[in-house]
């Protein structure tokens, strides 16, 4: 499947960076979509940012089970739980996306708690375009580097195992 990037060029489906928003209101989702459409993303120039919305924890779990998201942006308080419940759901994924907690009441306590429990970062709402680009680009790059390191470790392990077998 092909999509369009922000510069009118076609982008393959596997180049899309999927962002799942959980519990964000329509205004916040619209703001994110506008930022995705208008901003320059120097860390991933050939990619296309695709925003999908889940209104609840249950909807987020269903979406995460059916298609991979690289980043999850979650409202601090959900009607059926909180960002901690989304963090638990993200942790169940084979290739867990980075979780970013969004809140209109973002403070040092939330930031410290979120990072200590395993979230990637906290975004204050209403969303500032430069901050969204910085945080989401950084989360995506962190995730890609984590995957590259895991692949390199697997290759190294296989190489070491092959050398051990050959020496035996």
C-alpha atoms as a PDB file:
ATOM      1  CA  UNK A   1       0.000   0.000   0.000  1.00  0.00           C
ATOM      2  CA  UNK A   2       1.270   3.448  -0.865  1.00  0.00           C
ATOM      3  CA  UNK A   3       0.591   6.778   0.776  1.00  0.00           C
ATOM      4  CA  UNK A   4       1.655  10.353   0.171  1.00  0.00           C
ATOM      5  CA  UNK A   5       4.410  12.059   2.068  1.00  0.00           C
ATOM      6  CA  UNK A   6       4.279  15.746   2.930  1.00  0.00           C
ATOM      7  CA  UNK A   7       6.176  16.667  -0.235  1.00  0.00           C
ATOM      8  CA  UNK A   8       3.788  15.018  -2.707  1.00  0.00           C
ATOM      9  CA  UNK A   9       5.928  11.906  -3.144  1.00  0.00           C
ATOM     10  CA  UNK A  10       4.719   8.375  -2.641  1.00  0.00           C
ATOM     11  CA  UNK A  11       5.704   6.508   0.500  1.00  0.00           C
ATOM     12  CA  UNK A  12       5.588   2.731   0.927  1.00  0.00           C
ATOM     13  CA  UNK A  13       3.401   1.454   3.757  1.00  0.00           C
ATOM     14  CA  UNK A  14       6.400   0.008   5.617  1.00  0.00           C
ATOM     15  CA  UNK A  15       8.013   3.484   5.722  1.00  0.00           C
ATOM     16  CA  UNK A  16       5.081   4.890   7.669  1.00  0.00           C
ATOM     17  CA  UNK A  17       5.600   5.747  11.271  1.00  0.00           C
ATOM     18  CA  UNK A  18       2.415   4.817  13.059  1.00  0.00           C
ATOM     19  CA  UNK A  19       1.446   6.879  16.076  1.00  0.00           C
ATOM     20  CA  UNK A  20      -1.474   5.719  18.192  1.00  0.00           C
ATOM     21  CA  UNK A  21      -3.152   8.363  20.314  1.00  0.00           C
ATOM     22  CA  UNK A  22      -5.061   7.035  23.305  1.00  0.00           C
ATOM     23  CA  UNK A  23      -7.708   9.059  25.086  1.00  0.00           C
ATOM     24  CA  UNK A  24      -6.792  12.372  23.483  1.00  0.00           C
ATOM     25  CA  UNK A  25      -9.682  14.667  22.658  1.00  0.00           C
ATOM     26  CA  UNK A  26     -10.618  15.651  19.134  1.00  0.00           C
ATOM     27  CA  UNK A  27      -8.848  19.009  19.494  1.00  0.00           C
ATOM     28  CA  UNK A  28      -5.559  17.371  20.531  1.00  0.00           C
ATOM     29  CA  UNK A  29      -5.806  14.753  17.774  1.00  0.00           C
ATOM     30  CA  UNK A  30      -6.487  17.475  15.205  1.00  0.00           C
ATOM     31  CA  UNK A  31      -3.507  19.453  16.488  1.00  0.00           C
ATOM     32  CA  UNK A  32      -1.229  16.380  16.216  1.00  0.00           C
ATOM     33  CA  UNK A  33      -2.489  15.646  12.696  1.00  0.00           C
ATOM     34  CA  UNK A  34      -1.795  19.245  11.668  1.00  0.00           C
ATOM     35  CA  UNK A  35       1.710  19.095  13.163  1.00  0.00           C
ATOM     36  CA  UNK A  36       2.379  15.812  11.323  1.00  0.00           C
ATOM     37  CA  UNK A  37       1.220  17.343   8.032  1.00  0.00           C
ATOM     38  CA  UNK A  38       3.051  20.675   8.269  1.00  0.00           C
ATOM     39  CA  UNK A  39       6.278  20.040  10.128  1.00  0.00           C
ATOM     40  CA  UNK A  40       9.687  19.046   8.837  1.00  0.00           C
ATOM     41  CA  UNK A  41      10.872  15.770  10.330  1.00  0.00           C
ATOM     42  CA  UNK A  42      14.631  15.738   9.748  1.00  0.00           C
ATOM     43  CA  UNK A  43      15.134  12.437  11.592  1.00  0.00           C
ATOM     44  CA  UNK A  44      12.973  10.498   9.142  1.00  0.00           C
ATOM     45  CA  UNK A  45      12.722  12.378   5.834  1.00  0.00           C
ATOM     46  CA  UNK A  46      11.444   9.437   3.808  1.00  0.00           C
ATOM     47  CA  UNK A  47       8.822   8.434   6.329  1.00  0.00           C
ATOM     48  CA  UNK A  48       5.250   9.442   6.718  1.00  0.00           C
ATOM     49  CA  UNK A  49       3.705   9.975  10.135  1.00  0.00           C
ATOM     50  CA  UNK A  50       0.314   8.312  10.390  1.00  0.00           C
ATOM     51  CA  UNK A  51      -1.941   9.137  13.344  1.00  0.00           C
ATOM     52  CA  UNK A  52      -4.564   6.682  14.536  1.00  0.00           C
ATOM     53  CA  UNK A  53      -6.835   7.379  17.478  1.00  0.00           C
ATOM     54  CA  UNK A  54      -8.191   5.089  20.173  1.00  0.00           C
ATOM     55  CA  UNK A  55     -10.666   6.616  22.568  1.00  0.00           C
ATOM     56  CA  UNK A  56     -10.177   4.091  25.359  1.00  0.00           C
ATOM     57  CA  UNK A  57      -7.786   1.543  26.840  1.00  0.00           C
ATOM     58  CA  UNK A  58      -9.857  -1.262  25.330  1.00  0.00           C
ATOM     59  CA  UNK A  59      -9.720   0.299  21.855  1.00  0.00           C
ATOM     60  CA  UNK A  60      -5.967   0.855  22.231  1.00  0.00           C
ATOM     61  CA  UNK A  61      -5.406  -2.798  23.198  1.00  0.00           C
ATOM     62  CA  UNK A  62      -7.389  -3.920  20.164  1.00  0.00           C
ATOM     63  CA  UNK A  63      -5.467  -1.601  17.825  1.00  0.00           C
ATOM     64  CA  UNK A  64      -2.089  -2.627  19.246  1.00  0.00           C
ATOM     65  CA  UNK A  65      -3.014  -6.309  18.841  1.00  0.00           C
ATOM     66  CA  UNK A  66      -4.022  -5.875  15.195  1.00  0.00           C
ATOM     67  CA  UNK A  67      -1.338  -3.543  13.873  1.00  0.00           C
ATOM     68  CA  UNK A  68       2.021  -2.307  15.059  1.00  0.00           C
ATOM     69  CA  UNK A  69       2.471   1.233  16.299  1.00  0.00           C
ATOM     70  CA  UNK A  70       5.935   2.686  16.785  1.00  0.00           C
ATOM     71  CA  UNK A  71       4.793   5.391  19.202  1.00  0.00           C
ATOM     72  CA  UNK A  72       1.823   5.723  21.546  1.00  0.00           C
ATOM     73  CA  UNK A  73       0.757   9.151  22.812  1.00  0.00           C
ATOM     74  CA  UNK A  74      -1.568   8.652  25.767  1.00  0.00           C
ATOM     75  CA  UNK A  75      -3.626  11.058  27.839  1.00  0.00           C
ATOM     76  CA  UNK A  76      -2.627  10.919  31.501  1.00  0.00           C
ATOM     77  CA  UNK A  77      -6.144  10.088  32.696  1.00  0.00           C
ATOM     78  CA  UNK A  78      -8.455   7.815  30.756  1.00  0.00           C
ATOM     79  CA  UNK A  79     -12.085   7.150  31.601  1.00  0.00           C
ATOM     80  CA  UNK A  80     -11.306   3.467  32.096  1.00  0.00           C
ATOM     81  CA  UNK A  81      -7.848   3.781  33.639  1.00  0.00           C
ATOM     82  CA  UNK A  82      -4.679   5.776  33.239  1.00  0.00           C
ATOM     83  CA  UNK A  83      -1.487   5.963  31.248  1.00  0.00           C
ATOM     84  CA  UNK A  84      -0.051   3.247  33.543  1.00  0.00           C
ATOM     85  CA  UNK A  85      -2.607   0.784  32.150  1.00  0.00           C
ATOM     86  CA  UNK A  86      -1.561   1.719  28.618  1.00  0.00           C
ATOM     87  CA  UNK A  87       2.074   1.231  29.648  1.00  0.00           C
ATOM     88  CA  UNK A  88       1.176  -2.291  30.806  1.00  0.00           C
ATOM     89  CA  UNK A  89      -0.538  -2.969  27.468  1.00  0.00           C
ATOM     90  CA  UNK A  90       2.457  -1.613  25.543  1.00  0.00           C
ATOM     91  CA  UNK A  91       4.719  -3.885  27.583  1.00  0.00           C
ATOM     92  CA  UNK A  92       2.802  -6.932  26.346  1.00  0.00           C
ATOM     93  CA  UNK A  93       3.764  -6.210  22.738  1.00  0.00           C
ATOM     94  CA  UNK A  94       6.490  -8.238  21.050  1.00  0.00           C
ATOM     95  CA  UNK A  95       8.079  -5.046  19.756  1.00  0.00           C
ATOM     96  CA  UNK A  96       6.822  -2.423  22.225  1.00  0.00           C
ATOM     97  CA  UNK A  97       6.213   1.097  20.984  1.00  0.00           C
ATOM     98  CA  UNK A  98       7.546   4.123  22.844  1.00  0.00           C
ATOM     99  CA  UNK A  99       4.918   5.561  25.199  1.00  0.00           C
ATOM    100  CA  UNK A 100       4.593   9.321  25.569  1.00  0.00           C
ATOM    101  CA  UNK A 101       2.234  10.631  28.252  1.00  0.00           C
ATOM    102  CA  UNK A 102       0.250  13.776  27.414  1.00  0.00           C
ATOM    103  CA  UNK A 103      -1.271  16.058  30.021  1.00  0.00           C
ATOM    104  CA  UNK A 104      -2.499  19.590  30.429  1.00  0.00           C
ATOM    105  CA  UNK A 105      -1.169  19.347  33.979  1.00  0.00           C
ATOM    106  CA  UNK A 106       2.316  18.054  33.121  1.00  0.00           C
ATOM    107  CA  UNK A 107       4.707  18.688  35.980  1.00  0.00           C
ATOM    108  CA  UNK A 108       8.004  17.372  37.338  1.00  0.00           C
ATOM    109  CA  UNK A 109       6.227  14.699  39.401  1.00  0.00           C
ATOM    110  CA  UNK A 110       4.439  13.250  36.347  1.00  0.00           C
ATOM    111  CA  UNK A 111       7.609  13.416  34.273  1.00  0.00           C
ATOM    112  CA  UNK A 112       9.686  11.618  36.945  1.00  0.00           C
ATOM    113  CA  UNK A 113       6.985   9.002  37.552  1.00  0.00           C
ATOM    114  CA  UNK A 114       6.432   8.330  33.855  1.00  0.00           C
ATOM    115  CA  UNK A 115      10.128   7.930  33.084  1.00  0.00           C
ATOM    116  CA  UNK A 116      10.784   5.805  36.177  1.00  0.00           C
ATOM    117  CA  UNK A 117       7.965   3.420  35.245  1.00  0.00           C
ATOM    118  CA  UNK A 118       9.064   3.055  31.611  1.00  0.00           C
ATOM    119  CA  UNK A 119       7.375   5.750  29.534  1.00  0.00           C
ATOM    120  CA  UNK A 120       9.610   7.516  27.018  1.00  0.00           C
ATOM    121  CA  UNK A 121       8.617  11.128  27.776  1.00  0.00           C
ATOM    122  CA  UNK A 122       5.833  13.537  28.726  1.00  0.00           C
ATOM    123  CA  UNK A 123       4.243  16.122  26.427  1.00  0.00           C
ATOM    124  CA  UNK A 124       2.419  19.139  27.792  1.00  0.00           C
ATOM    125  CA  UNK A 125      -0.871  19.999  26.121  1.00  0.00           C
ATOM    126  CA  UNK A 126      -1.810  22.057  24.249  1.00  0.00           C
ATOM    127  CA  UNK A 127       0.881  20.698  21.967  1.00  0.00           C
ATOM    128  CA  UNK A 128       3.713  22.935  20.810  1.00  0.00           C
ATOM    129  CA  UNK A 129       4.753  21.905  17.268  1.00  0.00           C
ATOM    130  CA  UNK A 130       8.504  22.127  17.927  1.00  0.00           C
ATOM    131  CA  UNK A 131       8.176  20.058  21.108  1.00  0.00           C
ATOM    132  CA  UNK A 132       6.050  17.424  19.369  1.00  0.00           C
ATOM    133  CA  UNK A 133       8.613  17.115  16.574  1.00  0.00           C
ATOM    134  CA  UNK A 134      11.476  16.901  19.083  1.00  0.00           C
ATOM    135  CA  UNK A 135       9.860  14.332  21.382  1.00  0.00           C
ATOM    136  CA  UNK A 136       8.333  12.073  18.724  1.00  0.00           C
ATOM    137  CA  UNK A 137      11.443  12.157  16.505  1.00  0.00           C
ATOM    138  CA  UNK A 138      13.597  11.319  19.493  1.00  0.00           C
ATOM    139  CA  UNK A 139      11.271   8.467  20.540  1.00  0.00           C
ATOM    140  CA  UNK A 140      11.260   7.042  17.021  1.00  0.00           C
ATOM    141  CA  UNK A 141      15.053   7.258  16.699  1.00  0.00           C
ATOM    142  CA  UNK A 142      15.480   5.665  20.157  1.00  0.00           C
ATOM    143  CA  UNK A 143      13.227   2.802  19.110  1.00  0.00           C
ATOM    144  CA  UNK A 144      15.082   2.299  15.824  1.00  0.00           C
ATOM    145  CA  UNK A 145      18.464   2.270  17.597  1.00  0.00           C
ATOM    146  CA  UNK A 146      17.119  -0.214  20.141  1.00  0.00           C
ATOM    147  CA  UNK A 147      16.101  -2.526  17.291  1.00  0.00           C
ATOM    148  CA  UNK A 148      19.495  -2.123  15.569  1.00  0.00           C
ATOM    149  CA  UNK A 149      21.304  -2.987  18.810  1.00  0.00           C
ATOM    150  CA  UNK A 150      19.121  -6.068  19.328  1.00  0.00           C
ATOM    151  CA  UNK A 151      19.834  -7.185  15.743  1.00  0.00           C
ATOM    152  CA  UNK A 152      23.574  -6.640  16.178  1.00  0.00           C
ATOM    153  CA  UNK A 153      23.545  -8.656  19.415  1.00  0.00           C
ATOM    154  CA  UNK A 154      21.702 -11.501  17.676  1.00  0.00           C
ATOM    155  CA  UNK A 155      24.199 -11.518  14.816  1.00  0.00           C
ATOM    156  CA  UNK A 156      27.105 -11.434  17.257  1.00  0.00           C
ATOM    157  CA  UNK A 157      25.601 -14.310  19.233  1.00  0.00           C
ATOM    158  CA  UNK A 158      25.097 -16.392  16.079  1.00  0.00           C
ATOM    159  CA  UNK A 159      28.641 -15.619  14.912  1.00  0.00           C
ATOM    160  CA  UNK A 160      30.087 -16.597  18.303  1.00  0.00           C
ATOM    161  CA  UNK A 161      28.023 -19.777  18.334  1.00  0.00           C
ATOM    162  CA  UNK A 162      29.177 -20.680  14.803  1.00  0.00           C
ATOM    163  CA  UNK A 163      32.813 -20.039  15.754  1.00  0.00           C
ATOM    164  CA  UNK A 164      32.407 -22.223  18.859  1.00  0.00           C
ATOM    165  CA  UNK A 165      30.884 -25.059  16.821  1.00  0.00           C
ATOM    166  CA  UNK A 166      33.594 -24.763  14.174  1.00  0.00           C
ATOM    167  CA  UNK A 167      36.323 -24.890  16.849  1.00  0.00           C
ATOM    168  CA  UNK A 168      34.819 -27.979  18.516  1.00  0.00           C
END
